[in-house]
Amino acid sequence: MLYLHRIAMSDKPYYEHHVFFCLNHREEGRPCCADRGAQAAQEHAKKRIKQMHLNGQGKVRINKSGCLDRCEDGPCVVIYPQGTWYTYADEKDIDEIIDQHIVGGKIVERLKI
């Protein structure tokens, strides 16, 4: 009970940025993030965040996700707690999201969905 009370009292999120990459694969031929390089993009983001020493509690967490239900807009990634959705085409786009949004605190308008 003490543990739950401590969490409820915190007004800071556990991670400053929690990033979810949709890795959903659809069998029926509909567009899906898995078929558009989502796994490689997630791995690139995770590696780069670690290289920048931005990973860990109070910092950034890069996660895989199942279907985020926006595959038609994708591949897609969402960053919380802001709830900002992005699409991307390549590693340069992922780097721009990291540099501008996560590090710089600015929305990358050209990639926002």
PDB file of N, CA and C in Angstrom:
ATOM      1  N   MET A   1       0.820  -1.192   0.000  1.00  0.00           N
ATOM      2  CA  MET A   1       0.000   0.000   0.000  1.00  0.00           C
ATOM      3  C   MET A   1       0.863   1.255   0.000  1.00  0.00           C
ATOM      4  N   LEU A   2       1.955   1.224   0.713  1.00  0.00           N
ATOM      5  CA  LEU A   2       2.864   2.365   0.748  1.00  0.00           C
ATOM      6  C   LEU A   2       3.400   2.650  -0.654  1.00  0.00           C
ATOM      7  N   TYR A   3       3.720   1.601  -1.405  1.00  0.00           N
ATOM      8  CA  TYR A   3       4.223   1.742  -2.763  1.00  0.00           C
ATOM      9  C   TYR A   3       3.209   2.475  -3.643  1.00  0.00           C
ATOM     10  N   LEU A   4       1.966   2.087  -3.586  1.00  0.00           N
ATOM     11  CA  LEU A   4       0.925   2.743  -4.377  1.00  0.00           C
ATOM     12  C   LEU A   4       0.765   4.196  -3.970  1.00  0.00           C
ATOM     13  N   HIS A   5       0.849   4.460  -2.697  1.00  0.00           N
ATOM     14  CA  HIS A   5       0.723   5.829  -2.216  1.00  0.00           C
ATOM     15  C   HIS A   5       1.862   6.692  -2.758  1.00  0.00           C
ATOM     16  N   ARG A   6       3.074   6.165  -2.786  1.00  0.00           N
ATOM     17  CA  ARG A   6       4.221   6.911  -3.289  1.00  0.00           C
ATOM     18  C   ARG A   6       4.049   7.261  -4.761  1.00  0.00           C
ATOM     19  N   ILE A   7       3.543   6.348  -5.558  1.00  0.00           N
ATOM     20  CA  ILE A   7       3.315   6.615  -6.979  1.00  0.00           C
ATOM     21  C   ILE A   7       2.257   7.692  -7.145  1.00  0.00           C
ATOM     22  N   ALA A   8       1.188   7.593  -6.409  1.00  0.00           N
ATOM     23  CA  ALA A   8       0.103   8.561  -6.537  1.00  0.00           C
ATOM     24  C   ALA A   8       0.559   9.962  -6.157  1.00  0.00           C
ATOM     25  N   MET A   9       1.519  10.074  -5.281  1.00  0.00           N
ATOM     26  CA  MET A   9       1.994  11.375  -4.823  1.00  0.00           C
ATOM     27  C   MET A   9       2.942  12.041  -5.820  1.00  0.00           C
ATOM     28  N   SER A  10       3.535  11.276  -6.721  1.00  0.00           N
ATOM     29  CA  SER A  10       4.494  11.814  -7.676  1.00  0.00           C
ATOM     30  C   SER A  10       3.778  12.583  -8.775  1.00  0.00           C
ATOM     31  N   ASP A  11       4.244  13.795  -9.055  1.00  0.00           N
ATOM     32  CA  ASP A  11       3.650  14.557 -10.139  1.00  0.00           C
ATOM     33  C   ASP A  11       4.573  14.565 -11.365  1.00  0.00           C
ATOM     34  N   LYS A  12       5.685  13.853 -11.301  1.00  0.00           N
ATOM     35  CA  LYS A  12       6.597  13.723 -12.429  1.00  0.00           C
ATOM     36  C   LYS A  12       6.403  12.353 -13.059  1.00  0.00           C
ATOM     37  N   PRO A  13       6.390  12.271 -14.391  1.00  0.00           N
ATOM     38  CA  PRO A  13       6.297  10.957 -15.029  1.00  0.00           C
ATOM     39  C   PRO A  13       7.574  10.143 -14.796  1.00  0.00           C
ATOM     40  N   TYR A  14       7.451   8.835 -14.826  1.00  0.00           N
ATOM     41  CA  TYR A  14       8.598   7.956 -14.629  1.00  0.00           C
ATOM     42  C   TYR A  14       9.659   8.205 -15.696  1.00  0.00           C
ATOM     43  N   TYR A  15       9.206   8.428 -16.939  1.00  0.00           N
ATOM     44  CA  TYR A  15      10.092   8.797 -18.043  1.00  0.00           C
ATOM     45  C   TYR A  15       9.705  10.184 -18.523  1.00  0.00           C
ATOM     46  N   GLU A  16      10.685  10.978 -18.873  1.00  0.00           N
ATOM     47  CA  GLU A  16      10.398  12.284 -19.461  1.00  0.00           C
ATOM     48  C   GLU A  16       9.715  12.103 -20.813  1.00  0.00           C
ATOM     49  N   HIS A  17      10.189  11.118 -21.583  1.00  0.00           N
ATOM     50  CA  HIS A  17       9.590  10.769 -22.875  1.00  0.00           C
ATOM     51  C   HIS A  17       9.496   9.252 -22.952  1.00  0.00           C
ATOM     52  N   HIS A  18       8.311   8.753 -23.229  1.00  0.00           N
ATOM     53  CA  HIS A  18       8.089   7.326 -23.434  1.00  0.00           C
ATOM     54  C   HIS A  18       7.650   7.165 -24.882  1.00  0.00           C
ATOM     55  N   VAL A  19       8.480   6.504 -25.672  1.00  0.00           N
ATOM     56  CA  VAL A  19       8.315   6.439 -27.127  1.00  0.00           C
ATOM     57  C   VAL A  19       7.893   5.035 -27.531  1.00  0.00           C
ATOM     58  N   PHE A  20       6.762   4.944 -28.231  1.00  0.00           N
ATOM     59  CA  PHE A  20       6.239   3.659 -28.678  1.00  0.00           C
ATOM     60  C   PHE A  20       6.260   3.579 -30.205  1.00  0.00           C
ATOM     61  N   PHE A  21       6.959   2.571 -30.726  1.00  0.00           N
ATOM     62  CA  PHE A  21       6.988   2.293 -32.154  1.00  0.00           C
ATOM     63  C   PHE A  21       6.017   1.162 -32.442  1.00  0.00           C
ATOM     64  N   CYS A  22       5.055   1.412 -33.313  1.00  0.00           N
ATOM     65  CA  CYS A  22       4.136   0.357 -33.738  1.00  0.00           C
ATOM     66  C   CYS A  22       4.917  -0.638 -34.592  1.00  0.00           C
ATOM     67  N   LEU A  23       4.875  -1.912 -34.205  1.00  0.00           N
ATOM     68  CA  LEU A  23       5.518  -2.980 -34.968  1.00  0.00           C
ATOM     69  C   LEU A  23       4.483  -3.977 -35.473  1.00  0.00           C
ATOM     70  N   ASN A  24       3.248  -3.545 -35.530  1.00  0.00           N
ATOM     71  CA  ASN A  24       2.150  -4.427 -35.901  1.00  0.00           C
ATOM     72  C   ASN A  24       2.322  -4.997 -37.306  1.00  0.00           C
ATOM     73  N   HIS A  25       1.993  -6.283 -37.424  1.00  0.00           N
ATOM     74  CA  HIS A  25       1.986  -6.953 -38.736  1.00  0.00           C
ATOM     75  C   HIS A  25       0.581  -7.472 -39.001  1.00  0.00           C
ATOM     76  N   ARG A  26       0.033  -7.086 -40.132  1.00  0.00           N
ATOM     77  CA  ARG A  26      -1.313  -7.541 -40.511  1.00  0.00           C
ATOM     78  C   ARG A  26      -1.189  -8.579 -41.610  1.00  0.00           C
ATOM     79  N   GLU A  27      -1.894  -9.658 -41.435  1.00  0.00           N
ATOM     80  CA  GLU A  27      -1.858 -10.773 -42.392  1.00  0.00           C
ATOM     81  C   GLU A  27      -2.710 -10.529 -43.628  1.00  0.00           C
ATOM     82  N   GLU A  28      -3.782  -9.791 -43.474  1.00  0.00           N
ATOM     83  CA  GLU A  28      -4.777  -9.684 -44.551  1.00  0.00           C
ATOM     84  C   GLU A  28      -4.417  -8.696 -45.654  1.00  0.00           C
ATOM     85  N   GLY A  29      -3.166  -8.204 -45.695  1.00  0.00           N
ATOM     86  CA  GLY A  29      -2.739  -7.328 -46.773  1.00  0.00           C
ATOM     87  C   GLY A  29      -2.976  -5.847 -46.560  1.00  0.00           C
ATOM     88  N   ARG A  30      -3.607  -5.470 -45.449  1.00  0.00           N
ATOM     89  CA  ARG A  30      -3.792  -4.049 -45.149  1.00  0.00           C
ATOM     90  C   ARG A  30      -2.443  -3.441 -44.793  1.00  0.00           C
ATOM     91  N   PRO A  31      -2.301  -2.124 -44.952  1.00  0.00           N
ATOM     92  CA  PRO A  31      -1.036  -1.486 -44.583  1.00  0.00           C
ATOM     93  C   PRO A  31      -0.696  -1.773 -43.129  1.00  0.00           C
ATOM     94  N   CYS A  32       0.589  -1.991 -42.871  1.00  0.00           N
ATOM     95  CA  CYS A  32       1.031  -2.202 -41.494  1.00  0.00           C
ATOM     96  C   CYS A  32       2.440  -1.655 -41.320  1.00  0.00           C
ATOM     97  N   CYS A  33       2.714  -1.241 -40.113  1.00  0.00           N
ATOM     98  CA  CYS A  33       4.008  -0.638 -39.791  1.00  0.00           C
ATOM     99  C   CYS A  33       5.150  -1.631 -39.942  1.00  0.00           C
ATOM    100  N   ALA A  34       4.907  -2.902 -39.635  1.00  0.00           N
ATOM    101  CA  ALA A  34       5.953  -3.920 -39.726  1.00  0.00           C
ATOM    102  C   ALA A  34       6.509  -4.029 -41.141  1.00  0.00           C
ATOM    103  N   ASP A  35       5.668  -3.836 -42.141  1.00  0.00           N
ATOM    104  CA  ASP A  35       6.101  -3.939 -43.539  1.00  0.00           C
ATOM    105  C   ASP A  35       6.794  -2.671 -44.033  1.00  0.00           C
ATOM    106  N   ARG A  36       6.912  -1.655 -43.167  1.00  0.00           N
ATOM    107  CA  ARG A  36       7.504  -0.378 -43.572  1.00  0.00           C
ATOM    108  C   ARG A  36       8.749  -0.025 -42.757  1.00  0.00           C
ATOM    109  N   GLY A  37       9.440  -1.030 -42.270  1.00  0.00           N
ATOM    110  CA  GLY A  37      10.708  -0.803 -41.592  1.00  0.00           C
ATOM    111  C   GLY A  37      10.630  -0.390 -40.138  1.00  0.00           C
ATOM    112  N   ALA A  38       9.521  -0.683 -39.481  1.00  0.00           N
ATOM    113  CA  ALA A  38       9.334  -0.245 -38.098  1.00  0.00           C
ATOM    114  C   ALA A  38      10.326  -0.885 -37.128  1.00  0.00           C
ATOM    115  N   GLN A  39      10.631  -2.157 -37.305  1.00  0.00           N
ATOM    116  CA  GLN A  39      11.559  -2.841 -36.403  1.00  0.00           C
ATOM    117  C   GLN A  39      12.939  -2.179 -36.459  1.00  0.00           C
ATOM    118  N   ALA A  40      13.446  -1.935 -37.656  1.00  0.00           N
ATOM    119  CA  ALA A  40      14.757  -1.297 -37.808  1.00  0.00           C
ATOM    120  C   ALA A  40      14.756   0.118 -37.239  1.00  0.00           C
ATOM    121  N   ALA A  41      13.655   0.843 -37.429  1.00  0.00           N
ATOM    122  CA  ALA A  41      13.553   2.209 -36.908  1.00  0.00           C
ATOM    123  C   ALA A  41      13.572   2.208 -35.382  1.00  0.00           C
ATOM    124  N   GLN A  42      12.845   1.282 -34.762  1.00  0.00           N
ATOM    125  CA  GLN A  42      12.813   1.184 -33.303  1.00  0.00           C
ATOM    126  C   GLN A  42      14.195   0.833 -32.763  1.00  0.00           C
ATOM    127  N   GLU A  43      14.870  -0.098 -33.404  1.00  0.00           N
ATOM    128  CA  GLU A  43      16.207  -0.491 -32.971  1.00  0.00           C
ATOM    129  C   GLU A  43      17.193   0.666 -33.119  1.00  0.00           C
ATOM    130  N   HIS A  44      17.084   1.416 -34.207  1.00  0.00           N
ATOM    131  CA  HIS A  44      17.940   2.583 -34.420  1.00  0.00           C
ATOM    132  C   HIS A  44      17.717   3.622 -33.324  1.00  0.00           C
ATOM    133  N   ALA A  45      16.453   3.924 -33.027  1.00  0.00           N
ATOM    134  CA  ALA A  45      16.130   4.917 -31.998  1.00  0.00           C
ATOM    135  C   ALA A  45      16.666   4.479 -30.635  1.00  0.00           C
ATOM    136  N   LYS A  46      16.466   3.222 -30.286  1.00  0.00           N
ATOM    137  CA  LYS A  46      16.926   2.715 -28.996  1.00  0.00           C
ATOM    138  C   LYS A  46      18.448   2.817 -28.880  1.00  0.00           C
ATOM    139  N   LYS A  47      19.140   2.423 -29.941  1.00  0.00           N
ATOM    140  CA  LYS A  47      20.604   2.485 -29.950  1.00  0.00           C
ATOM    141  C   LYS A  47      21.095   3.930 -29.831  1.00  0.00           C
ATOM    142  N   ARG A  48      20.467   4.828 -30.569  1.00  0.00           N
ATOM    143  CA  ARG A  48      20.901   6.227 -30.550  1.00  0.00           C
ATOM    144  C   ARG A  48      20.642   6.878 -29.191  1.00  0.00           C
ATOM    145  N   ILE A  49      19.495   6.603 -28.590  1.00  0.00           N
ATOM    146  CA  ILE A  49      19.184   7.149 -27.265  1.00  0.00           C
ATOM    147  C   ILE A  49      20.206   6.649 -26.243  1.00  0.00           C
ATOM    148  N   LYS A  50      20.585   5.375 -26.334  1.00  0.00           N
ATOM    149  CA  LYS A  50      21.604   4.835 -25.422  1.00  0.00           C
ATOM    150  C   LYS A  50      22.954   5.496 -25.665  1.00  0.00           C
ATOM    151  N   GLN A  51      23.332   5.683 -26.931  1.00  0.00           N
ATOM    152  CA  GLN A  51      24.603   6.335 -27.260  1.00  0.00           C
ATOM    153  C   GLN A  51      24.659   7.762 -26.719  1.00  0.00           C
ATOM    154  N   MET A  52      23.509   8.415 -26.677  1.00  0.00           N
ATOM    155  CA  MET A  52      23.429   9.790 -26.189  1.00  0.00           C
ATOM    156  C   MET A  52      23.276   9.850 -24.662  1.00  0.00           C
ATOM    157  N   HIS A  53      23.233   8.687 -24.024  1.00  0.00           N
ATOM    158  CA  HIS A  53      23.064   8.580 -22.568  1.00  0.00           C
ATOM    159  C   HIS A  53      21.767   9.250 -22.107  1.00  0.00           C
ATOM    160  N   LEU A  54      20.723   9.049 -22.890  1.00  0.00           N
ATOM    161  CA  LEU A  54      19.407   9.621 -22.566  1.00  0.00           C
ATOM    162  C   LEU A  54      18.426   8.572 -22.077  1.00  0.00           C
ATOM    163  N   ASN A  55      18.867   7.318 -21.955  1.00  0.00           N
ATOM    164  CA  ASN A  55      17.963   6.248 -21.543  1.00  0.00           C
ATOM    165  C   ASN A  55      17.933   6.104 -20.031  1.00  0.00           C
ATOM    166  N   GLY A  56      16.818   5.593 -19.521  1.00  0.00           N
ATOM    167  CA  GLY A  56      16.701   5.295 -18.099  1.00  0.00           C
ATOM    168  C   GLY A  56      15.638   6.128 -17.409  1.00  0.00           C
ATOM    169  N   GLN A  57      15.426   5.803 -16.153  1.00  0.00           N
ATOM    170  CA  GLN A  57      14.403   6.489 -15.357  1.00  0.00           C
ATOM    171  C   GLN A  57      14.636   7.995 -15.373  1.00  0.00           C
ATOM    172  N   GLY A  58      13.556   8.721 -15.576  1.00  0.00           N
ATOM    173  CA  GLY A  58      13.616  10.172 -15.607  1.00  0.00           C
ATOM    174  C   GLY A  58      14.071  10.717 -16.945  1.00  0.00           C
ATOM    175  N   LYS A  59      14.383   9.814 -17.872  1.00  0.00           N
ATOM    176  CA  LYS A  59      14.885  10.232 -19.182  1.00  0.00           C
ATOM    177  C   LYS A  59      13.971   9.704 -20.276  1.00  0.00           C
ATOM    178  N   VAL A  60      14.500   8.847 -21.147  1.00  0.00           N
ATOM    179  CA  VAL A  60      13.762   8.379 -22.321  1.00  0.00           C
ATOM    180  C   VAL A  60      13.699   6.856 -22.333  1.00  0.00           C
ATOM    181  N   ARG A  61      12.551   6.336 -22.721  1.00  0.00           N
ATOM    182  CA  ARG A  61      12.355   4.896 -22.909  1.00  0.00           C
ATOM    183  C   ARG A  61      11.820   4.672 -24.316  1.00  0.00           C
ATOM    184  N   ILE A  62      12.508   3.828 -25.084  1.00  0.00           N
ATOM    185  CA  ILE A  62      12.075   3.457 -26.430  1.00  0.00           C
ATOM    186  C   ILE A  62      11.475   2.060 -26.347  1.00  0.00           C
ATOM    187  N   ASN A  63      10.198   1.921 -26.728  1.00  0.00           N
ATOM    188  CA  ASN A  63       9.500   0.644 -26.634  1.00  0.00           C
ATOM    189  C   ASN A  63       8.923   0.209 -27.968  1.00  0.00           C
ATOM    190  N   LYS A  64       8.754  -1.113 -28.077  1.00  0.00           N
ATOM    191  CA  LYS A  64       7.997  -1.715 -29.178  1.00  0.00           C
ATOM    192  C   LYS A  64       6.541  -1.719 -28.758  1.00  0.00           C
ATOM    193  N   SER A  65       5.675  -1.630 -29.733  1.00  0.00           N
ATOM    194  CA  SER A  65       4.248  -1.675 -29.438  1.00  0.00           C
ATOM    195  C   SER A  65       3.554  -2.581 -30.437  1.00  0.00           C
ATOM    196  N   GLY A  66       2.456  -3.135 -30.006  1.00  0.00           N
ATOM    197  CA  GLY A  66       1.562  -3.800 -30.929  1.00  0.00           C
ATOM    198  C   GLY A  66       0.806  -2.727 -31.699  1.00  0.00           C
ATOM    199  N   CYS A  67      -0.310  -3.082 -32.256  1.00  0.00           N
ATOM    200  CA  CYS A  67      -1.068  -2.158 -33.095  1.00  0.00           C
ATOM    201  C   CYS A  67      -1.482  -0.897 -32.328  1.00  0.00           C
ATOM    202  N   LEU A  68      -1.144   0.233 -32.907  1.00  0.00           N
ATOM    203  CA  LEU A  68      -1.577   1.524 -32.370  1.00  0.00           C
ATOM    204  C   LEU A  68      -2.757   2.071 -33.171  1.00  0.00           C
ATOM    205  N   ASP A  69      -3.243   1.274 -34.124  1.00  0.00           N
ATOM    206  CA  ASP A  69      -4.439   1.573 -34.923  1.00  0.00           C
ATOM    207  C   ASP A  69      -4.285   2.801 -35.815  1.00  0.00           C
ATOM    208  N   ARG A  70      -3.052   3.075 -36.252  1.00  0.00           N
ATOM    209  CA  ARG A  70      -2.829   4.173 -37.194  1.00  0.00           C
ATOM    210  C   ARG A  70      -1.909   3.716 -38.323  1.00  0.00           C
ATOM    211  N   CYS A  71      -1.940   2.438 -38.631  1.00  0.00           N
ATOM    212  CA  CYS A  71      -1.045   1.882 -39.642  1.00  0.00           C
ATOM    213  C   CYS A  71      -1.209   2.563 -41.009  1.00  0.00           C
ATOM    214  N   GLU A  72      -2.415   3.013 -41.327  1.00  0.00           N
ATOM    215  CA  GLU A  72      -2.634   3.687 -42.604  1.00  0.00           C
ATOM    216  C   GLU A  72      -1.858   5.002 -42.680  1.00  0.00           C
ATOM    217  N   ASP A  73      -1.525   5.586 -41.534  1.00  0.00           N
ATOM    218  CA  ASP A  73      -0.745   6.825 -41.473  1.00  0.00           C
ATOM    219  C   ASP A  73       0.743   6.539 -41.327  1.00  0.00           C
ATOM    220  N   GLY A  74       1.113   5.297 -41.222  1.00  0.00           N
ATOM    221  CA  GLY A  74       2.433   4.911 -40.767  1.00  0.00           C
ATOM    222  C   GLY A  74       3.461   4.659 -41.825  1.00  0.00           C
ATOM    223  N   PRO A  75       4.584   4.190 -41.330  1.00  0.00           N
ATOM    224  CA  PRO A  75       4.786   3.685 -39.988  1.00  0.00           C
ATOM    225  C   PRO A  75       4.628   4.795 -38.965  1.00  0.00           C
ATOM    226  N   CYS A  76       4.247   4.427 -37.762  1.00  0.00           N
ATOM    227  CA  CYS A  76       3.977   5.472 -36.783  1.00  0.00           C
ATOM    228  C   CYS A  76       4.666   5.214 -35.449  1.00  0.00           C
ATOM    229  N   VAL A  77       4.882   6.334 -34.763  1.00  0.00           N
ATOM    230  CA  VAL A  77       5.488   6.348 -33.442  1.00  0.00           C
ATOM    231  C   VAL A  77       4.744   7.408 -32.645  1.00  0.00           C
ATOM    232  N   VAL A  78       4.556   7.154 -31.351  1.00  0.00           N
ATOM    233  CA  VAL A  78       3.899   8.126 -30.486  1.00  0.00           C
ATOM    234  C   VAL A  78       4.784   8.368 -29.274  1.00  0.00           C
ATOM    235  N   ILE A  79       4.874   9.625 -28.877  1.00  0.00           N
ATOM    236  CA  ILE A  79       5.704  10.016 -27.743  1.00  0.00           C
ATOM    237  C   ILE A  79       4.814  10.553 -26.632  1.00  0.00           C
ATOM    238  N   TYR A  80       4.926   9.910 -25.465  1.00  0.00           N
ATOM    239  CA  TYR A  80       4.197  10.344 -24.278  1.00  0.00           C
ATOM    240  C   TYR A  80       5.171  10.933 -23.273  1.00  0.00           C
ATOM    241  N   PRO A  81       4.754  11.827 -22.393  1.00  0.00           N
ATOM    242  CA  PRO A  81       3.376  12.107 -22.035  1.00  0.00           C
ATOM    243  C   PRO A  81       2.684  13.117 -22.947  1.00  0.00           C
ATOM    244  N   GLN A  82       3.380  13.670 -23.935  1.00  0.00           N
ATOM    245  CA  GLN A  82       2.774  14.676 -24.800  1.00  0.00           C
ATOM    246  C   GLN A  82       1.681  14.104 -25.695  1.00  0.00           C
ATOM    247  N   GLY A  83       1.809  12.836 -26.083  1.00  0.00           N
ATOM    248  CA  GLY A  83       0.843  12.224 -26.986  1.00  0.00           C
ATOM    249  C   GLY A  83       1.023  12.709 -28.415  1.00  0.00           C
ATOM    250  N   THR A  84       2.254  12.958 -28.806  1.00  0.00           N
ATOM    251  CA  THR A  84       2.551  13.443 -30.157  1.00  0.00           C
ATOM    252  C   THR A  84       2.817  12.256 -31.070  1.00  0.00           C
ATOM    253  N   TRP A  85       2.102  12.231 -32.201  1.00  0.00           N
ATOM    254  CA  TRP A  85       2.210  11.151 -33.185  1.00  0.00           C
ATOM    255  C   TRP A  85       3.050  11.601 -34.366  1.00  0.00           C
ATOM    256  N   TYR A  86       3.935  10.695 -34.812  1.00  0.00           N
ATOM    257  CA  TYR A  86       4.767  10.957 -35.979  1.00  0.00           C
ATOM    258  C   TYR A  86       4.748   9.776 -36.925  1.00  0.00           C
ATOM    259  N   THR A  87       5.054  10.079 -38.191  1.00  0.00           N
ATOM    260  CA  THR A  87       5.395   9.058 -39.165  1.00  0.00           C
ATOM    261  C   THR A  87       6.838   9.318 -39.566  1.00  0.00           C
ATOM    262  N   TYR A  88       7.436   8.393 -40.269  1.00  0.00           N
ATOM    263  CA  TYR A  88       8.832   8.532 -40.672  1.00  0.00           C
ATOM    264  C   TYR A  88       9.088   7.670 -41.898  1.00  0.00           C
ATOM    265  N   ALA A  89      10.144   8.031 -42.636  1.00  0.00           N
ATOM    266  CA  ALA A  89      10.500   7.264 -43.826  1.00  0.00           C
ATOM    267  C   ALA A  89      11.832   6.542 -43.656  1.00  0.00           C
ATOM    268  N   ASP A  90      12.723   7.098 -42.836  1.00  0.00           N
ATOM    269  CA  ASP A  90      14.065   6.536 -42.731  1.00  0.00           C
ATOM    270  C   ASP A  90      14.722   6.955 -41.412  1.00  0.00           C
ATOM    271  N   GLU A  91      15.976   6.553 -41.235  1.00  0.00           N
ATOM    272  CA  GLU A  91      16.700   6.869 -40.010  1.00  0.00           C
ATOM    273  C   GLU A  91      16.913   8.370 -39.830  1.00  0.00           C
ATOM    274  N   LYS A  92      17.015   9.093 -40.927  1.00  0.00           N
ATOM    275  CA  LYS A  92      17.165  10.555 -40.825  1.00  0.00           C
ATOM    276  C   LYS A  92      15.943  11.171 -40.157  1.00  0.00           C
ATOM    277  N   ASP A  93      14.751  10.671 -40.485  1.00  0.00           N
ATOM    278  CA  ASP A  93      13.525  11.157 -39.838  1.00  0.00           C
ATOM    279  C   ASP A  93      13.523  10.808 -38.352  1.00  0.00           C
ATOM    280  N   ILE A  94      13.960   9.605 -38.008  1.00  0.00           N
ATOM    281  CA  ILE A  94      14.029   9.195 -36.602  1.00  0.00           C
ATOM    282  C   ILE A  94      15.006  10.102 -35.856  1.00  0.00           C
ATOM    283  N   ASP A  95      16.154  10.376 -36.468  1.00  0.00           N
ATOM    284  CA  ASP A  95      17.136  11.270 -35.843  1.00  0.00           C
ATOM    285  C   ASP A  95      16.572  12.671 -35.650  1.00  0.00           C
ATOM    286  N   GLU A  96      15.795  13.145 -36.614  1.00  0.00           N
ATOM    287  CA  GLU A  96      15.182  14.467 -36.488  1.00  0.00           C
ATOM    288  C   GLU A  96      14.181  14.497 -35.335  1.00  0.00           C
ATOM    289  N   ILE A  97      13.403  13.446 -35.185  1.00  0.00           N
ATOM    290  CA  ILE A  97      12.451  13.361 -34.070  1.00  0.00           C
ATOM    291  C   ILE A  97      13.208  13.363 -32.746  1.00  0.00           C
ATOM    292  N   ILE A  98      14.285  12.601 -32.667  1.00  0.00           N
ATOM    293  CA  ILE A  98      15.090  12.563 -31.439  1.00  0.00           C
ATOM    294  C   ILE A  98      15.689  13.936 -31.157  1.00  0.00           C
ATOM    295  N   ASP A  99      16.341  14.513 -32.166  1.00  0.00           N
ATOM    296  CA  ASP A  99      17.043  15.785 -31.970  1.00  0.00           C
ATOM    297  C   ASP A  99      16.099  16.946 -31.683  1.00  0.00           C
ATOM    298  N   GLN A 100      15.010  17.017 -32.436  1.00  0.00           N
ATOM    299  CA  GLN A 100      14.108  18.162 -32.300  1.00  0.00           C
ATOM    300  C   GLN A 100      13.110  18.000 -31.160  1.00  0.00           C
ATOM    301  N   HIS A 101      12.436  16.855 -31.112  1.00  0.00           N
ATOM    302  CA  HIS A 101      11.381  16.670 -30.103  1.00  0.00           C
ATOM    303  C   HIS A 101      11.954  16.272 -28.742  1.00  0.00           C
ATOM    304  N   ILE A 102      12.705  15.183 -28.721  1.00  0.00           N
ATOM    305  CA  ILE A 102      13.160  14.653 -27.444  1.00  0.00           C
ATOM    306  C   ILE A 102      14.230  15.539 -26.812  1.00  0.00           C
ATOM    307  N   VAL A 103      15.213  15.945 -27.590  1.00  0.00           N
ATOM    308  CA  VAL A 103      16.289  16.771 -27.046  1.00  0.00           C
ATOM    309  C   VAL A 103      15.902  18.247 -27.030  1.00  0.00           C
ATOM    310  N   GLY A 104      15.330  18.732 -28.150  1.00  0.00           N
ATOM    311  CA  GLY A 104      15.054  20.154 -28.280  1.00  0.00           C
ATOM    312  C   GLY A 104      13.704  20.624 -27.787  1.00  0.00           C
ATOM    313  N   GLY A 105      12.774  19.691 -27.554  1.00  0.00           N
ATOM    314  CA  GLY A 105      11.462  20.066 -27.048  1.00  0.00           C
ATOM    315  C   GLY A 105      10.543  20.717 -28.072  1.00  0.00           C
ATOM    316  N   LYS A 106      10.840  20.538 -29.364  1.00  0.00           N
ATOM    317  CA  LYS A 106      10.026  21.144 -30.422  1.00  0.00           C
ATOM    318  C   LYS A 106       9.373  20.061 -31.271  1.00  0.00           C
ATOM    319  N   ILE A 107       8.115  20.276 -31.617  1.00  0.00           N
ATOM    320  CA  ILE A 107       7.386  19.355 -32.485  1.00  0.00           C
ATOM    321  C   ILE A 107       7.984  19.404 -33.886  1.00  0.00           C
ATOM    322  N   VAL A 108       8.141  18.234 -34.497  1.00  0.00           N
ATOM    323  CA  VAL A 108       8.602  18.141 -35.883  1.00  0.00           C
ATOM    324  C   VAL A 108       7.350  18.149 -36.757  1.00  0.00           C
ATOM    325  N   GLU A 109       6.932  19.336 -37.132  1.00  0.00           N
ATOM    326  CA  GLU A 109       5.649  19.510 -37.838  1.00  0.00           C
ATOM    327  C   GLU A 109       5.562  18.687 -39.125  1.00  0.00           C
ATOM    328  N   ARG A 110       6.635  18.587 -39.875  1.00  0.00           N
ATOM    329  CA  ARG A 110       6.579  17.913 -41.177  1.00  0.00           C
ATOM    330  C   ARG A 110       6.350  16.407 -41.040  1.00  0.00           C
ATOM    331  N   LEU A 111       6.604  15.839 -39.866  1.00  0.00           N
ATOM    332  CA  LEU A 111       6.414  14.411 -39.644  1.00  0.00           C
ATOM    333  C   LEU A 111       5.213  14.098 -38.763  1.00  0.00           C
ATOM    334  N   LYS A 112       4.580  15.115 -38.237  1.00  0.00           N
ATOM    335  CA  LYS A 112       3.455  14.928 -37.320  1.00  0.00           C
ATOM    336  C   LYS A 112       2.235  14.390 -38.059  1.00  0.00           C
ATOM    337  N   ILE A 113       1.545  13.446 -37.416  1.00  0.00           N
ATOM    338  CA  ILE A 113       0.276  12.934 -37.978  1.00  0.00           C
ATOM    339  C   ILE A 113      -0.827  13.129 -36.971  1.00  0.00           C
TER     340      ILE A 113
END
